[in-house]
Amino acid sequence: INRNLSGIAGFRLGIGADGRVDSCSITRSTGHSELDTATCALLTRRARFEPARDGAGNTTAGTFASSVEWRIPD
């Protein structure tokens, strides 16, 4: 906030069979390495998913892609 950084970070997460994030990559940079790094750090620590399932109903690894907007509150 003090540095007035903002931007949209695109990301792709690798999701383990347990529903936890096991990898994160930035697919669209905010232009600020601090925000890109924070995006993956926060998602890896906090995000949880219902595990994907294969044709037999067994849990399996999967992926999730989206973006997050970092902006200074009004």
C-alpha atoms as a PDB file:
ATOM      1  CA  ILE A   1       0.000   0.000   0.000  1.00  0.00           C
ATOM      2  CA  ASN A   2       2.812   2.404   0.877  1.00  0.00           C
ATOM      3  CA  ARG A   3       4.349   1.965  -2.583  1.00  0.00           C
ATOM      4  CA  ASN A   4       0.970   2.352  -4.335  1.00  0.00           C
ATOM      5  CA  LEU A   5       1.419  -0.877  -6.329  1.00  0.00           C
ATOM      6  CA  SER A   6      -1.473  -2.353  -8.265  1.00  0.00           C
ATOM      7  CA  GLY A   7      -2.124  -4.684 -11.170  1.00  0.00           C
ATOM      8  CA  ILE A   8      -3.710  -7.938 -12.275  1.00  0.00           C
ATOM      9  CA  ALA A   9      -1.789 -11.175 -11.745  1.00  0.00           C
ATOM     10  CA  GLY A  10      -2.770 -14.199 -13.830  1.00  0.00           C
ATOM     11  CA  PHE A  11      -1.833 -17.533 -12.262  1.00  0.00           C
ATOM     12  CA  ARG A  12      -2.005 -21.285 -12.726  1.00  0.00           C
ATOM     13  CA  LEU A  13      -2.102 -23.590  -9.717  1.00  0.00           C
ATOM     14  CA  GLY A  14      -1.200 -27.248  -9.549  1.00  0.00           C
ATOM     15  CA  ILE A  15      -3.619 -28.983  -7.192  1.00  0.00           C
ATOM     16  CA  GLY A  16      -2.602 -32.207  -5.486  1.00  0.00           C
ATOM     17  CA  ALA A  17      -4.892 -35.176  -4.949  1.00  0.00           C
ATOM     18  CA  ASP A  18      -5.416 -33.876  -1.392  1.00  0.00           C
ATOM     19  CA  GLY A  19      -6.884 -30.569  -2.663  1.00  0.00           C
ATOM     20  CA  ARG A  20      -3.895 -28.487  -1.609  1.00  0.00           C
ATOM     21  CA  VAL A  21      -1.899 -26.243  -3.905  1.00  0.00           C
ATOM     22  CA  ASP A  22       1.443 -27.855  -4.746  1.00  0.00           C
ATOM     23  CA  SER A  23       2.664 -25.393  -7.394  1.00  0.00           C
ATOM     24  CA  CYS A  24       1.964 -21.879  -8.614  1.00  0.00           C
ATOM     25  CA  SER A  25       3.135 -20.009 -11.683  1.00  0.00           C
ATOM     26  CA  ILE A  26       2.391 -16.479 -12.812  1.00  0.00           C
ATOM     27  CA  THR A  27       0.914 -16.424 -16.326  1.00  0.00           C
ATOM     28  CA  ARG A  28       0.365 -12.659 -16.467  1.00  0.00           C
ATOM     29  CA  SER A  29       2.581 -10.345 -14.452  1.00  0.00           C
ATOM     30  CA  THR A  30       1.346  -7.281 -12.605  1.00  0.00           C
ATOM     31  CA  GLY A  31       4.600  -5.619 -13.582  1.00  0.00           C
ATOM     32  CA  HIS A  32       5.655  -5.712  -9.926  1.00  0.00           C
ATOM     33  CA  SER A  33       7.620  -8.721  -8.739  1.00  0.00           C
ATOM     34  CA  GLU A  34       6.452  -8.097  -5.162  1.00  0.00           C
ATOM     35  CA  LEU A  35       2.792  -8.534  -6.127  1.00  0.00           C
ATOM     36  CA  ASP A  36       3.500 -11.554  -8.329  1.00  0.00           C
ATOM     37  CA  THR A  37       5.404 -13.218  -5.489  1.00  0.00           C
ATOM     38  CA  ALA A  38       2.668 -12.354  -2.975  1.00  0.00           C
ATOM     39  CA  THR A  39       0.011 -13.837  -5.283  1.00  0.00           C
ATOM     40  CA  CYS A  40       1.646 -17.266  -5.304  1.00  0.00           C
ATOM     41  CA  ALA A  41       2.613 -17.119  -1.633  1.00  0.00           C
ATOM     42  CA  LEU A  42      -0.927 -16.343  -0.486  1.00  0.00           C
ATOM     43  CA  LEU A  43      -2.620 -18.826  -2.815  1.00  0.00           C
ATOM     44  CA  THR A  44      -0.222 -21.619  -1.909  1.00  0.00           C
ATOM     45  CA  ARG A  45      -0.805 -21.003   1.797  1.00  0.00           C
ATOM     46  CA  ARG A  46      -4.568 -20.376   1.811  1.00  0.00           C
ATOM     47  CA  ALA A  47      -6.315 -21.958  -1.176  1.00  0.00           C
ATOM     48  CA  ARG A  48      -7.995 -25.340  -0.793  1.00  0.00           C
ATOM     49  CA  PHE A  49      -9.928 -27.270  -3.419  1.00  0.00           C
ATOM     50  CA  GLU A  50     -12.169 -30.269  -3.691  1.00  0.00           C
ATOM     51  CA  PRO A  51      -9.797 -32.762  -5.343  1.00  0.00           C
ATOM     52  CA  ALA A  52     -10.387 -33.706  -8.972  1.00  0.00           C
ATOM     53  CA  ARG A  53     -11.556 -37.252  -9.615  1.00  0.00           C
ATOM     54  CA  ASP A  54     -10.681 -39.667 -12.366  1.00  0.00           C
ATOM     55  CA  GLY A  55     -13.125 -41.893 -14.214  1.00  0.00           C
ATOM     56  CA  ALA A  56     -13.059 -44.441 -11.399  1.00  0.00           C
ATOM     57  CA  GLY A  57     -13.838 -41.815  -8.762  1.00  0.00           C
ATOM     58  CA  ASN A  58     -10.349 -41.747  -7.270  1.00  0.00           C
ATOM     59  CA  THR A  59      -8.882 -38.400  -6.286  1.00  0.00           C
ATOM     60  CA  THR A  60      -6.253 -37.101  -8.682  1.00  0.00           C
ATOM     61  CA  ALA A  61      -4.135 -34.025  -9.278  1.00  0.00           C
ATOM     62  CA  GLY A  62      -5.526 -31.150 -11.317  1.00  0.00           C
ATOM     63  CA  THR A  63      -4.991 -27.513 -12.240  1.00  0.00           C
ATOM     64  CA  PHE A  64      -6.799 -24.224 -11.743  1.00  0.00           C
ATOM     65  CA  ALA A  65      -6.158 -20.947 -13.552  1.00  0.00           C
ATOM     66  CA  SER A  66      -7.510 -17.495 -12.808  1.00  0.00           C
ATOM     67  CA  SER A  67      -6.389 -13.984 -11.933  1.00  0.00           C
ATOM     68  CA  VAL A  68      -6.407 -11.634  -8.979  1.00  0.00           C
ATOM     69  CA  GLU A  69      -6.558  -7.853  -9.025  1.00  0.00           C
ATOM     70  CA  TRP A  70      -4.360  -5.994  -6.596  1.00  0.00           C
ATOM     71  CA  ARG A  71      -5.577  -2.451  -6.018  1.00  0.00           C
ATOM     72  CA  ILE A  72      -5.436   0.261  -3.415  1.00  0.00           C
ATOM     73  CA  PRO A  73      -8.806   0.625  -1.627  1.00  0.00           C
ATOM     74  CA  ASP A  74     -10.735   3.805  -2.340  1.00  0.00           C
END
